Amino acid sequence: MNSQTQKISLQCEVGVIEALRDEPVGVSKGVAIVAHPHPLFGGTMDNKVVQTLARAFVQCGWTVVRFNFRGVGASAGAHDAGVGEARDFVRVVEQAAPEGALAIAGFSFGSFVASHALAALWPQRQIDKVVFVGTAAQRFTVAPVPQDLHEKTLVVHGELDDTVSLVSVMDWARPQCLLVTVIPGGGHFFHGQLPLLKSLVVRHLQA
């Protein structure tokens, strides 16, 4: 992302996890773990939406760790339809953010993975912020957000997303009474609207 980006290696049940860490200026508020979109469709930790999320967190004083799912880049293993990826997410948290404030974020398939990691972590770990963008509720069963985390959660979706329909995200959010922020005219990758997406995330993190 910038000259301060550090390449790091973490470990999961199938081997090495390739990751990047960015530090904010000054004392870090905590660690945010950011998950990328579907690896079978070109998703990596260098995805522009993932980088936008990382920049927003760094701007707001968070250390950010984003990582390649198993089978992507230098990460070991093979795609596991989100099951093994969610366990890997938890392992990344255990290694990169063993204590202190923790934020969880994901884009598209990454939000689906992050939702199940969140469900696994929540009984034993305080979560300070959650950000889901383009949540993949159309093709995957996204875990509900714990009620106590609703005020700490930002869900953003594009009105004209043709990869994950807004209807599917509303169907997921409605039973939870979970607020969804809709970007008018926005597509799945927020072409031309990444600055707006970043500003929404920054506003949420500063609230």
N, C-alpha and C. Protein backbone atom coordinates (compact mmCIF):
# COMPACT_ATOMS: atom_id res chain seq x y z
N MET A 1 0.83 -1.21 0.00
CA MET A 1 0.00 0.00 0.00
C MET A 1 0.86 1.25 0.00
N ASN A 2 1.95 1.22 0.76
CA ASN A 2 2.89 2.34 0.79
C ASN A 2 4.25 1.82 1.21
N SER A 3 5.20 2.73 1.34
CA SER A 3 6.57 2.32 1.66
C SER A 3 6.68 1.72 3.06
N GLN A 4 5.64 1.96 3.89
CA GLN A 4 5.67 1.45 5.25
C GLN A 4 5.02 0.07 5.36
N THR A 5 4.48 -0.44 4.25
CA THR A 5 3.85 -1.75 4.28
C THR A 5 4.89 -2.84 4.52
N GLN A 6 4.63 -3.69 5.51
CA GLN A 6 5.56 -4.76 5.86
C GLN A 6 4.98 -6.11 5.42
N LYS A 7 5.80 -6.91 4.79
CA LYS A 7 5.40 -8.28 4.47
C LYS A 7 5.65 -9.15 5.69
N ILE A 8 4.65 -9.91 6.08
CA ILE A 8 4.80 -10.80 7.23
C ILE A 8 4.28 -12.19 6.87
N SER A 9 4.74 -13.18 7.60
CA SER A 9 4.28 -14.55 7.41
C SER A 9 3.64 -15.04 8.70
N LEU A 10 2.45 -15.59 8.58
CA LEU A 10 1.74 -16.15 9.72
C LEU A 10 1.52 -17.64 9.44
N GLN A 11 0.96 -18.35 10.40
CA GLN A 11 0.78 -19.79 10.24
C GLN A 11 -0.68 -20.17 10.43
N CYS A 12 -1.14 -21.11 9.59
CA CYS A 12 -2.46 -21.69 9.77
C CYS A 12 -2.32 -23.20 9.76
N GLU A 13 -3.43 -23.90 9.81
CA GLU A 13 -3.39 -25.36 9.93
C GLU A 13 -2.78 -26.04 8.71
N VAL A 14 -2.76 -25.35 7.57
CA VAL A 14 -2.20 -25.96 6.37
C VAL A 14 -0.86 -25.36 5.97
N GLY A 15 -0.33 -24.47 6.81
CA GLY A 15 0.98 -23.90 6.50
C GLY A 15 1.02 -22.39 6.61
N VAL A 16 1.84 -21.79 5.77
CA VAL A 16 2.10 -20.36 5.86
C VAL A 16 0.94 -19.54 5.30
N ILE A 17 0.72 -18.39 5.92
CA ILE A 17 -0.23 -17.40 5.42
C ILE A 17 0.57 -16.15 5.05
N GLU A 18 0.45 -15.72 3.80
CA GLU A 18 1.11 -14.50 3.33
C GLU A 18 0.26 -13.30 3.75
N ALA A 19 0.90 -12.30 4.37
CA ALA A 19 0.15 -11.15 4.87
C ALA A 19 0.95 -9.86 4.74
N LEU A 20 0.23 -8.76 4.85
CA LEU A 20 0.83 -7.42 4.85
C LEU A 20 0.34 -6.66 6.08
N ARG A 21 1.22 -5.88 6.65
CA ARG A 21 0.86 -5.08 7.83
C ARG A 21 1.20 -3.62 7.58
N ASP A 22 0.26 -2.75 7.89
CA ASP A 22 0.47 -1.31 7.80
C ASP A 22 0.26 -0.68 9.17
N GLU A 23 1.17 0.21 9.52
CA GLU A 23 1.11 0.88 10.82
C GLU A 23 0.68 2.34 10.66
N PRO A 24 -0.10 2.85 11.59
CA PRO A 24 -0.48 4.26 11.54
C PRO A 24 0.63 5.15 12.08
N VAL A 25 0.46 6.44 11.90
CA VAL A 25 1.38 7.39 12.52
C VAL A 25 1.03 7.48 14.00
N GLY A 26 2.03 7.40 14.87
CA GLY A 26 1.77 7.48 16.30
C GLY A 26 1.39 6.14 16.90
N VAL A 27 0.78 6.21 18.07
CA VAL A 27 0.40 4.99 18.80
C VAL A 27 -0.84 4.36 18.18
N SER A 28 -0.77 3.07 17.94
CA SER A 28 -1.88 2.36 17.32
C SER A 28 -3.04 2.16 18.30
N LYS A 29 -4.27 2.31 17.79
CA LYS A 29 -5.46 2.09 18.61
C LYS A 29 -5.75 0.60 18.79
N GLY A 30 -5.24 -0.20 17.88
CA GLY A 30 -5.53 -1.63 17.90
C GLY A 30 -5.21 -2.21 16.53
N VAL A 31 -5.68 -3.42 16.29
CA VAL A 31 -5.39 -4.11 15.04
C VAL A 31 -6.69 -4.43 14.30
N ALA A 32 -6.71 -4.10 13.02
CA ALA A 32 -7.84 -4.45 12.15
C ALA A 32 -7.40 -5.53 11.19
N ILE A 33 -8.17 -6.60 11.09
CA ILE A 33 -7.90 -7.68 10.16
C ILE A 33 -8.89 -7.56 9.00
N VAL A 34 -8.37 -7.50 7.77
CA VAL A 34 -9.21 -7.26 6.60
C VAL A 34 -9.12 -8.45 5.64
N ALA A 35 -10.29 -8.97 5.22
CA ALA A 35 -10.34 -10.15 4.35
C ALA A 35 -10.76 -9.77 2.93
N HIS A 36 -10.16 -10.45 1.95
CA HIS A 36 -10.34 -10.10 0.55
C HIS A 36 -11.45 -10.88 -0.14
N PRO A 37 -11.83 -10.47 -1.37
CA PRO A 37 -12.91 -11.16 -2.10
C PRO A 37 -12.51 -12.54 -2.61
N HIS A 38 -13.44 -13.16 -3.31
CA HIS A 38 -13.34 -14.57 -3.70
C HIS A 38 -12.07 -14.88 -4.50
N PRO A 39 -11.25 -15.80 -3.99
CA PRO A 39 -9.99 -16.11 -4.67
C PRO A 39 -10.15 -16.80 -6.02
N LEU A 40 -11.26 -17.49 -6.23
CA LEU A 40 -11.45 -18.16 -7.51
C LEU A 40 -11.86 -17.19 -8.62
N PHE A 41 -12.11 -15.94 -8.24
CA PHE A 41 -12.45 -14.90 -9.21
C PHE A 41 -11.45 -13.75 -9.14
N GLY A 42 -10.22 -14.07 -8.75
CA GLY A 42 -9.15 -13.09 -8.76
C GLY A 42 -8.96 -12.29 -7.50
N GLY A 43 -9.68 -12.62 -6.45
CA GLY A 43 -9.57 -11.85 -5.21
C GLY A 43 -8.25 -12.10 -4.48
N THR A 44 -7.60 -11.01 -4.07
CA THR A 44 -6.37 -11.08 -3.28
C THR A 44 -6.37 -9.94 -2.27
N MET A 45 -5.35 -9.94 -1.41
CA MET A 45 -5.24 -8.87 -0.41
C MET A 45 -4.86 -7.53 -1.03
N ASP A 46 -4.53 -7.53 -2.33
CA ASP A 46 -4.21 -6.29 -3.03
C ASP A 46 -5.42 -5.70 -3.76
N ASN A 47 -6.58 -6.30 -3.62
CA ASN A 47 -7.80 -5.78 -4.22
C ASN A 47 -8.00 -4.32 -3.80
N LYS A 48 -8.49 -3.48 -4.71
CA LYS A 48 -8.56 -2.04 -4.45
C LYS A 48 -9.56 -1.68 -3.35
N VAL A 49 -10.62 -2.46 -3.20
CA VAL A 49 -11.56 -2.19 -2.11
C VAL A 49 -10.92 -2.55 -0.77
N VAL A 50 -10.19 -3.66 -0.75
CA VAL A 50 -9.47 -4.06 0.46
C VAL A 50 -8.44 -2.99 0.83
N GLN A 51 -7.73 -2.47 -0.17
CA GLN A 51 -6.76 -1.41 0.10
C GLN A 51 -7.44 -0.15 0.59
N THR A 52 -8.62 0.15 0.06
CA THR A 52 -9.36 1.32 0.53
C THR A 52 -9.74 1.16 2.00
N LEU A 53 -10.20 -0.03 2.38
CA LEU A 53 -10.51 -0.29 3.78
C LEU A 53 -9.27 -0.14 4.64
N ALA A 54 -8.15 -0.68 4.17
CA ALA A 54 -6.90 -0.59 4.93
C ALA A 54 -6.50 0.87 5.13
N ARG A 55 -6.61 1.68 4.09
CA ARG A 55 -6.24 3.10 4.20
C ARG A 55 -7.13 3.83 5.21
N ALA A 56 -8.41 3.50 5.21
CA ALA A 56 -9.33 4.14 6.15
C ALA A 56 -8.95 3.80 7.59
N PHE A 57 -8.66 2.54 7.84
CA PHE A 57 -8.28 2.14 9.20
C PHE A 57 -6.97 2.80 9.63
N VAL A 58 -5.97 2.80 8.72
CA VAL A 58 -4.68 3.41 9.06
C VAL A 58 -4.86 4.90 9.34
N GLN A 59 -5.65 5.57 8.53
CA GLN A 59 -5.91 7.00 8.73
C GLN A 59 -6.51 7.26 10.11
N CYS A 60 -7.30 6.30 10.59
CA CYS A 60 -7.97 6.46 11.89
C CYS A 60 -7.15 5.89 13.05
N GLY A 61 -5.88 5.54 12.77
CA GLY A 61 -4.99 5.15 13.86
C GLY A 61 -4.89 3.67 14.16
N TRP A 62 -5.37 2.84 13.24
CA TRP A 62 -5.32 1.40 13.45
C TRP A 62 -4.17 0.76 12.68
N THR A 63 -3.58 -0.26 13.27
CA THR A 63 -2.69 -1.15 12.54
C THR A 63 -3.57 -2.07 11.71
N VAL A 64 -3.19 -2.32 10.46
CA VAL A 64 -4.00 -3.15 9.58
C VAL A 64 -3.20 -4.37 9.12
N VAL A 65 -3.82 -5.52 9.21
CA VAL A 65 -3.24 -6.75 8.66
C VAL A 65 -4.24 -7.32 7.66
N ARG A 66 -3.80 -7.45 6.42
CA ARG A 66 -4.61 -8.11 5.39
C ARG A 66 -3.80 -9.31 4.90
N PHE A 67 -4.49 -10.36 4.54
CA PHE A 67 -3.77 -11.60 4.23
C PHE A 67 -4.41 -12.31 3.04
N ASN A 68 -3.61 -13.11 2.36
CA ASN A 68 -4.12 -13.92 1.27
C ASN A 68 -4.70 -15.22 1.81
N PHE A 69 -5.90 -15.53 1.37
CA PHE A 69 -6.51 -16.78 1.76
C PHE A 69 -5.69 -17.97 1.24
N ARG A 70 -5.93 -19.12 1.82
CA ARG A 70 -5.20 -20.33 1.43
C ARG A 70 -5.30 -20.55 -0.09
N GLY A 71 -4.13 -20.86 -0.68
CA GLY A 71 -4.07 -21.09 -2.11
C GLY A 71 -3.90 -19.84 -2.94
N VAL A 72 -3.82 -18.68 -2.30
CA VAL A 72 -3.65 -17.41 -3.02
C VAL A 72 -2.25 -16.87 -2.77
N GLY A 73 -1.56 -16.45 -3.84
CA GLY A 73 -0.22 -15.92 -3.68
C GLY A 73 0.70 -16.94 -3.04
N ALA A 74 1.37 -16.53 -1.97
CA ALA A 74 2.29 -17.43 -1.28
C ALA A 74 1.65 -18.17 -0.10
N SER A 75 0.33 -18.03 0.07
CA SER A 75 -0.35 -18.74 1.15
C SER A 75 -0.53 -20.21 0.79
N ALA A 76 -0.27 -21.08 1.74
CA ALA A 76 -0.35 -22.53 1.52
C ALA A 76 -1.80 -22.99 1.39
N GLY A 77 -1.96 -24.22 0.92
CA GLY A 77 -3.27 -24.85 0.90
C GLY A 77 -4.05 -24.59 -0.37
N ALA A 78 -5.33 -24.94 -0.32
CA ALA A 78 -6.23 -24.78 -1.47
C ALA A 78 -7.55 -24.20 -0.98
N HIS A 79 -8.26 -23.59 -1.90
CA HIS A 79 -9.56 -22.98 -1.58
C HIS A 79 -10.46 -23.97 -0.86
N ASP A 80 -11.14 -23.50 0.21
CA ASP A 80 -11.97 -24.39 1.03
C ASP A 80 -13.38 -23.84 1.22
N ALA A 81 -13.85 -23.08 0.24
CA ALA A 81 -15.24 -22.58 0.22
C ALA A 81 -15.61 -21.75 1.44
N GLY A 82 -14.60 -21.20 2.11
CA GLY A 82 -14.86 -20.32 3.24
C GLY A 82 -14.74 -20.98 4.60
N VAL A 83 -14.79 -22.30 4.64
CA VAL A 83 -14.74 -23.00 5.93
C VAL A 83 -13.34 -22.92 6.54
N GLY A 84 -12.35 -23.40 5.80
CA GLY A 84 -10.97 -23.31 6.28
C GLY A 84 -10.50 -21.87 6.36
N GLU A 85 -11.00 -21.04 5.46
CA GLU A 85 -10.62 -19.62 5.45
C GLU A 85 -11.05 -18.92 6.74
N ALA A 86 -12.23 -19.28 7.25
CA ALA A 86 -12.69 -18.68 8.50
C ALA A 86 -11.79 -19.10 9.67
N ARG A 87 -11.38 -20.36 9.66
CA ARG A 87 -10.45 -20.82 10.71
C ARG A 87 -9.11 -20.09 10.58
N ASP A 88 -8.68 -19.87 9.33
CA ASP A 88 -7.43 -19.13 9.10
C ASP A 88 -7.55 -17.70 9.62
N PHE A 89 -8.71 -17.08 9.41
CA PHE A 89 -8.94 -15.72 9.90
C PHE A 89 -8.74 -15.67 11.42
N VAL A 90 -9.31 -16.65 12.11
CA VAL A 90 -9.16 -16.70 13.57
C VAL A 90 -7.69 -16.86 13.96
N ARG A 91 -6.96 -17.69 13.22
CA ARG A 91 -5.54 -17.87 13.50
C ARG A 91 -4.76 -16.58 13.25
N VAL A 92 -5.13 -15.84 12.24
CA VAL A 92 -4.48 -14.54 11.99
C VAL A 92 -4.72 -13.61 13.17
N VAL A 93 -5.93 -13.58 13.67
CA VAL A 93 -6.24 -12.76 14.85
C VAL A 93 -5.37 -13.18 16.03
N GLU A 94 -5.29 -14.48 16.27
CA GLU A 94 -4.53 -14.98 17.41
C GLU A 94 -3.06 -14.59 17.34
N GLN A 95 -2.52 -14.53 16.13
CA GLN A 95 -1.10 -14.22 15.97
C GLN A 95 -0.82 -12.72 15.82
N ALA A 96 -1.68 -12.03 15.07
CA ALA A 96 -1.42 -10.62 14.77
C ALA A 96 -2.06 -9.67 15.76
N ALA A 97 -3.07 -10.15 16.48
CA ALA A 97 -3.78 -9.29 17.43
C ALA A 97 -4.16 -10.10 18.67
N PRO A 98 -3.16 -10.63 19.38
CA PRO A 98 -3.46 -11.49 20.53
C PRO A 98 -4.14 -10.78 21.70
N GLU A 99 -4.00 -9.45 21.74
CA GLU A 99 -4.64 -8.68 22.81
C GLU A 99 -4.91 -7.27 22.31
N GLY A 100 -5.65 -6.51 23.11
CA GLY A 100 -5.94 -5.14 22.74
C GLY A 100 -7.16 -5.02 21.84
N ALA A 101 -7.39 -3.80 21.37
CA ALA A 101 -8.56 -3.53 20.54
C ALA A 101 -8.46 -4.29 19.22
N LEU A 102 -9.62 -4.80 18.76
CA LEU A 102 -9.66 -5.60 17.54
C LEU A 102 -10.82 -5.14 16.65
N ALA A 103 -10.51 -4.98 15.37
CA ALA A 103 -11.54 -4.69 14.37
C ALA A 103 -11.51 -5.77 13.31
N ILE A 104 -12.68 -6.08 12.76
CA ILE A 104 -12.81 -7.12 11.75
C ILE A 104 -13.49 -6.51 10.53
N ALA A 105 -12.92 -6.76 9.36
CA ALA A 105 -13.48 -6.20 8.14
C ALA A 105 -13.33 -7.18 6.99
N GLY A 106 -14.22 -7.05 6.01
CA GLY A 106 -14.13 -7.91 4.84
C GLY A 106 -14.89 -7.33 3.68
N PHE A 107 -14.48 -7.71 2.48
CA PHE A 107 -15.16 -7.29 1.26
C PHE A 107 -15.64 -8.52 0.50
N SER A 108 -16.93 -8.53 0.15
CA SER A 108 -17.52 -9.58 -0.66
C SER A 108 -17.37 -10.95 0.02
N PHE A 109 -16.76 -11.92 -0.63
CA PHE A 109 -16.51 -13.23 -0.01
C PHE A 109 -15.77 -13.05 1.32
N GLY A 110 -14.93 -12.03 1.40
CA GLY A 110 -14.20 -11.75 2.64
C GLY A 110 -15.13 -11.39 3.80
N SER A 111 -16.26 -10.74 3.49
CA SER A 111 -17.23 -10.44 4.54
C SER A 111 -17.90 -11.72 5.05
N PHE A 112 -18.20 -12.62 4.12
CA PHE A 112 -18.75 -13.92 4.50
C PHE A 112 -17.79 -14.67 5.43
N VAL A 113 -16.52 -14.73 5.04
CA VAL A 113 -15.51 -15.39 5.88
C VAL A 113 -15.39 -14.68 7.23
N ALA A 114 -15.30 -13.35 7.18
CA ALA A 114 -15.13 -12.57 8.41
C ALA A 114 -16.32 -12.74 9.34
N SER A 115 -17.52 -12.91 8.78
CA SER A 115 -18.71 -13.07 9.63
C SER A 115 -18.63 -14.34 10.46
N HIS A 116 -18.09 -15.41 9.88
CA HIS A 116 -17.99 -16.67 10.62
C HIS A 116 -16.80 -16.64 11.60
N ALA A 117 -15.75 -15.93 11.23
CA ALA A 117 -14.65 -15.73 12.19
C ALA A 117 -15.16 -14.91 13.37
N LEU A 118 -15.96 -13.89 13.08
CA LEU A 118 -16.55 -13.07 14.14
C LEU A 118 -17.40 -13.91 15.07
N ALA A 119 -18.21 -14.80 14.52
CA ALA A 119 -19.06 -15.67 15.34
C ALA A 119 -18.22 -16.56 16.25
N ALA A 120 -17.06 -17.01 15.74
CA ALA A 120 -16.19 -17.87 16.54
C ALA A 120 -15.45 -17.08 17.61
N LEU A 121 -15.09 -15.85 17.30
CA LEU A 121 -14.30 -15.04 18.23
C LEU A 121 -15.14 -14.36 19.30
N TRP A 122 -16.37 -13.99 18.97
CA TRP A 122 -17.19 -13.16 19.84
C TRP A 122 -17.37 -13.71 21.26
N PRO A 123 -17.58 -15.00 21.46
CA PRO A 123 -17.78 -15.47 22.83
C PRO A 123 -16.56 -15.28 23.73
N GLN A 124 -15.37 -15.13 23.14
CA GLN A 124 -14.16 -15.08 23.93
C GLN A 124 -13.35 -13.80 23.76
N ARG A 125 -13.80 -12.91 22.88
CA ARG A 125 -12.97 -11.75 22.56
C ARG A 125 -13.84 -10.53 22.28
N GLN A 126 -13.47 -9.40 22.86
CA GLN A 126 -14.18 -8.16 22.57
C GLN A 126 -13.81 -7.69 21.16
N ILE A 127 -14.82 -7.29 20.40
CA ILE A 127 -14.61 -6.75 19.06
C ILE A 127 -15.02 -5.28 19.10
N ASP A 128 -14.15 -4.41 18.62
CA ASP A 128 -14.41 -2.97 18.75
C ASP A 128 -15.08 -2.35 17.53
N LYS A 129 -14.77 -2.86 16.35
CA LYS A 129 -15.37 -2.34 15.13
C LYS A 129 -15.52 -3.47 14.12
N VAL A 130 -16.61 -3.40 13.33
CA VAL A 130 -16.85 -4.36 12.26
C VAL A 130 -17.23 -3.58 11.01
N VAL A 131 -16.63 -3.94 9.87
CA VAL A 131 -16.97 -3.31 8.58
C VAL A 131 -17.13 -4.40 7.53
N PHE A 132 -18.34 -4.50 6.97
CA PHE A 132 -18.61 -5.44 5.88
C PHE A 132 -19.01 -4.64 4.65
N VAL A 133 -18.33 -4.90 3.54
CA VAL A 133 -18.59 -4.18 2.29
C VAL A 133 -18.93 -5.20 1.20
N GLY A 134 -20.01 -4.94 0.45
CA GLY A 134 -20.39 -5.87 -0.61
C GLY A 134 -20.61 -7.28 -0.08
N THR A 135 -21.24 -7.38 1.07
CA THR A 135 -21.38 -8.66 1.77
C THR A 135 -22.00 -9.74 0.89
N ALA A 136 -21.30 -10.87 0.78
CA ALA A 136 -21.69 -11.93 -0.17
C ALA A 136 -22.84 -12.79 0.34
N ALA A 137 -24.00 -12.15 0.52
CA ALA A 137 -25.16 -12.85 1.07
C ALA A 137 -25.97 -13.60 0.02
N GLN A 138 -25.64 -13.40 -1.24
CA GLN A 138 -26.43 -14.02 -2.31
C GLN A 138 -26.05 -15.48 -2.52
N ARG A 139 -24.78 -15.80 -2.43
CA ARG A 139 -24.31 -17.15 -2.71
C ARG A 139 -23.83 -17.90 -1.48
N PHE A 140 -23.74 -17.20 -0.36
CA PHE A 140 -23.19 -17.80 0.85
C PHE A 140 -24.09 -17.50 2.05
N THR A 141 -23.98 -18.33 3.06
CA THR A 141 -24.73 -18.11 4.28
C THR A 141 -23.87 -17.28 5.23
N VAL A 142 -24.11 -15.98 5.22
CA VAL A 142 -23.35 -15.06 6.07
C VAL A 142 -23.88 -15.17 7.50
N ALA A 143 -22.98 -15.28 8.45
CA ALA A 143 -23.39 -15.38 9.86
C ALA A 143 -23.99 -14.06 10.32
N PRO A 144 -24.99 -14.10 11.20
CA PRO A 144 -25.56 -12.85 11.72
C PRO A 144 -24.55 -12.13 12.61
N VAL A 145 -24.71 -10.83 12.71
CA VAL A 145 -23.86 -10.03 13.58
C VAL A 145 -24.46 -10.05 14.98
N PRO A 146 -23.68 -10.38 16.02
CA PRO A 146 -24.22 -10.38 17.38
C PRO A 146 -24.90 -9.04 17.71
N GLN A 147 -26.04 -9.11 18.37
CA GLN A 147 -26.83 -7.92 18.66
C GLN A 147 -26.01 -6.83 19.35
N ASP A 148 -25.15 -7.24 20.27
CA ASP A 148 -24.35 -6.25 21.02
C ASP A 148 -23.34 -5.52 20.14
N LEU A 149 -23.12 -6.02 18.92
CA LEU A 149 -22.15 -5.39 18.03
C LEU A 149 -22.81 -4.52 16.95
N HIS A 150 -24.12 -4.45 16.92
CA HIS A 150 -24.79 -3.71 15.85
C HIS A 150 -24.34 -2.26 15.76
N GLU A 151 -24.21 -1.59 16.89
CA GLU A 151 -23.83 -0.18 16.86
C GLU A 151 -22.37 0.00 16.47
N LYS A 152 -21.59 -1.06 16.55
CA LYS A 152 -20.18 -1.00 16.17
C LYS A 152 -19.95 -1.52 14.74
N THR A 153 -21.04 -1.83 14.04
CA THR A 153 -20.94 -2.46 12.72
C THR A 153 -21.39 -1.53 11.61
N LEU A 154 -20.59 -1.48 10.54
CA LEU A 154 -20.96 -0.76 9.33
C LEU A 154 -21.10 -1.77 8.20
N VAL A 155 -22.27 -1.80 7.57
CA VAL A 155 -22.50 -2.63 6.39
C VAL A 155 -22.76 -1.69 5.23
N VAL A 156 -21.92 -1.76 4.19
CA VAL A 156 -22.05 -0.88 3.03
C VAL A 156 -22.29 -1.73 1.79
N HIS A 157 -23.25 -1.28 0.97
CA HIS A 157 -23.54 -2.02 -0.26
C HIS A 157 -23.88 -1.05 -1.37
N GLY A 158 -23.52 -1.44 -2.59
CA GLY A 158 -23.84 -0.63 -3.75
C GLY A 158 -25.26 -0.89 -4.24
N GLU A 159 -25.98 0.18 -4.55
CA GLU A 159 -27.36 0.04 -5.01
C GLU A 159 -27.48 -0.83 -6.25
N LEU A 160 -26.51 -0.72 -7.15
CA LEU A 160 -26.57 -1.42 -8.43
C LEU A 160 -25.58 -2.58 -8.51
N ASP A 161 -25.24 -3.15 -7.36
CA ASP A 161 -24.31 -4.28 -7.32
C ASP A 161 -24.90 -5.44 -8.12
N ASP A 162 -24.21 -5.85 -9.20
CA ASP A 162 -24.72 -6.95 -10.02
C ASP A 162 -24.01 -8.27 -9.74
N THR A 163 -23.16 -8.27 -8.69
CA THR A 163 -22.51 -9.51 -8.25
C THR A 163 -23.23 -10.07 -7.03
N VAL A 164 -23.54 -9.20 -6.09
CA VAL A 164 -24.34 -9.55 -4.91
C VAL A 164 -25.50 -8.57 -4.85
N SER A 165 -26.70 -9.05 -5.05
CA SER A 165 -27.85 -8.14 -5.12
C SER A 165 -28.09 -7.46 -3.76
N LEU A 166 -28.53 -6.22 -3.84
CA LEU A 166 -28.91 -5.50 -2.63
C LEU A 166 -30.04 -6.22 -1.91
N VAL A 167 -30.95 -6.82 -2.68
CA VAL A 167 -32.07 -7.56 -2.09
C VAL A 167 -31.56 -8.66 -1.16
N SER A 168 -30.54 -9.40 -1.61
CA SER A 168 -30.03 -10.50 -0.79
C SER A 168 -29.42 -10.00 0.51
N VAL A 169 -28.76 -8.86 0.45
CA VAL A 169 -28.15 -8.29 1.67
C VAL A 169 -29.25 -7.80 2.61
N MET A 170 -30.29 -7.19 2.07
CA MET A 170 -31.40 -6.75 2.91
C MET A 170 -32.11 -7.95 3.54
N ASP A 171 -32.23 -9.05 2.79
CA ASP A 171 -32.85 -10.26 3.34
C ASP A 171 -32.03 -10.83 4.50
N TRP A 172 -30.70 -10.66 4.42
CA TRP A 172 -29.83 -11.10 5.52
C TRP A 172 -29.94 -10.15 6.70
N ALA A 173 -29.98 -8.85 6.42
CA ALA A 173 -29.95 -7.84 7.49
C ALA A 173 -31.30 -7.66 8.18
N ARG A 174 -32.39 -7.85 7.43
CA ARG A 174 -33.73 -7.54 7.95
C ARG A 174 -34.08 -8.29 9.23
N PRO A 175 -33.88 -9.61 9.31
CA PRO A 175 -34.23 -10.32 10.55
C PRO A 175 -33.42 -9.86 11.75
N GLN A 176 -32.26 -9.27 11.49
CA GLN A 176 -31.40 -8.79 12.57
C GLN A 176 -31.70 -7.34 12.94
N CYS A 177 -32.52 -6.67 12.11
CA CYS A 177 -32.71 -5.21 12.24
C CYS A 177 -31.35 -4.51 12.20
N LEU A 178 -30.49 -4.98 11.28
CA LEU A 178 -29.14 -4.45 11.13
C LEU A 178 -29.14 -3.41 10.01
N LEU A 179 -28.64 -2.24 10.31
CA LEU A 179 -28.62 -1.13 9.36
C LEU A 179 -27.70 -1.43 8.19
N VAL A 180 -28.14 -1.12 6.98
CA VAL A 180 -27.33 -1.24 5.77
C VAL A 180 -27.21 0.14 5.13
N THR A 181 -25.99 0.59 4.89
CA THR A 181 -25.76 1.87 4.21
C THR A 181 -25.62 1.59 2.72
N VAL A 182 -26.49 2.20 1.91
CA VAL A 182 -26.52 1.96 0.48
C VAL A 182 -25.91 3.16 -0.26
N ILE A 183 -24.94 2.87 -1.13
CA ILE A 183 -24.33 3.91 -1.95
C ILE A 183 -25.11 3.99 -3.26
N PRO A 184 -25.83 5.10 -3.50
CA PRO A 184 -26.63 5.23 -4.72
C PRO A 184 -25.79 5.05 -5.99
N GLY A 185 -26.26 4.19 -6.88
CA GLY A 185 -25.56 3.96 -8.13
C GLY A 185 -24.30 3.12 -8.01
N GLY A 186 -23.98 2.67 -6.80
CA GLY A 186 -22.75 1.93 -6.57
C GLY A 186 -22.81 0.51 -7.10
N GLY A 187 -21.70 0.05 -7.71
CA GLY A 187 -21.57 -1.32 -8.14
C GLY A 187 -20.79 -2.13 -7.12
N HIS A 188 -20.48 -3.37 -7.46
CA HIS A 188 -19.81 -4.25 -6.51
C HIS A 188 -18.41 -3.74 -6.14
N PHE A 189 -17.71 -3.18 -7.13
CA PHE A 189 -16.34 -2.73 -6.87
C PHE A 189 -16.24 -1.22 -6.68
N PHE A 190 -17.39 -0.55 -6.63
CA PHE A 190 -17.44 0.88 -6.31
C PHE A 190 -16.55 1.73 -7.22
N HIS A 191 -16.60 1.43 -8.52
CA HIS A 191 -15.81 2.20 -9.49
C HIS A 191 -16.19 3.68 -9.39
N GLY A 192 -15.19 4.53 -9.21
CA GLY A 192 -15.41 5.96 -9.10
C GLY A 192 -15.96 6.41 -7.77
N GLN A 193 -16.20 5.48 -6.86
CA GLN A 193 -16.80 5.82 -5.58
C GLN A 193 -15.98 5.35 -4.38
N LEU A 194 -14.73 4.95 -4.63
CA LEU A 194 -13.89 4.51 -3.52
C LEU A 194 -13.62 5.62 -2.52
N PRO A 195 -13.43 6.88 -2.94
CA PRO A 195 -13.27 7.95 -1.94
C PRO A 195 -14.50 8.07 -1.02
N LEU A 196 -15.70 7.91 -1.59
CA LEU A 196 -16.91 7.95 -0.78
C LEU A 196 -16.95 6.78 0.19
N LEU A 197 -16.60 5.58 -0.31
CA LEU A 197 -16.55 4.41 0.56
C LEU A 197 -15.58 4.64 1.72
N LYS A 198 -14.41 5.16 1.40
CA LYS A 198 -13.42 5.42 2.45
C LYS A 198 -13.95 6.41 3.47
N SER A 199 -14.61 7.46 3.01
CA SER A 199 -15.12 8.47 3.94
C SER A 199 -16.19 7.89 4.86
N LEU A 200 -17.02 6.97 4.34
CA LEU A 200 -18.02 6.32 5.18
C LEU A 200 -17.37 5.47 6.26
N VAL A 201 -16.31 4.76 5.88
CA VAL A 201 -15.61 3.92 6.86
C VAL A 201 -14.91 4.78 7.90
N VAL A 202 -14.27 5.86 7.46
CA VAL A 202 -13.60 6.76 8.40
C VAL A 202 -14.61 7.35 9.38
N ARG A 203 -15.75 7.77 8.87
CA ARG A 203 -16.78 8.32 9.75
C ARG A 203 -17.23 7.30 10.80
N HIS A 204 -17.39 6.05 10.36
CA HIS A 204 -17.79 4.99 11.28
C HIS A 204 -16.70 4.75 12.35
N LEU A 205 -15.45 4.74 11.93
CA LEU A 205 -14.36 4.47 12.87
C LEU A 205 -14.16 5.62 13.85
N GLN A 206 -14.50 6.81 13.45
CA GLN A 206 -14.34 7.98 14.33
C GLN A 206 -15.54 8.22 15.22
N ALA A 207 -16.65 7.52 14.96
CA ALA A 207 -17.87 7.73 15.74
C ALA A 207 -17.68 7.26 17.17
